[in-house]
Amino acid sequence: LIASAIPTSYVLFALVTGSNKMSIASFLSVFLIVGLGSDVVFVYTDFWADSRLRKVNYGSRMTWTLVHAGKASLATSVTTALSFFANLASVLKPLREFGFFMGLCVIVVW
């Protein structure tokens, strides 16, 4: 899931901007998305472990985990994506591209 975020975001980037060229700074996204995606995985793992104390069968544990971890990870992912999208206000084209691409990556990895 984490590894597919970058190619998917690149396709979305190319469709929205109409350009398939990116700056070299966008290659930093690989390292950032691995870290951000791992954080989302850890949130779900922690909620899954916590669900053992609250629910009995696997179906209700899964539902509880998806609802509660989904809310927590959505809040952090949206704020992170918005902080990257804030780079769209920059006068530097490579920084705008990087911010837009990273914002897309964060949304896709959620």
Foldseek 3Di string as FASTA:
>chain_A
DLVVLQVVLLVVLCVVVVDNDADPVLVCLNVVSVVLLVVLVVLLVVQLVVLVVPDPDPVVSVVSSCVVSVVVSVVVLQVVLVVLCVQCPDPDPNSNRNSSSSSSSSVSSD
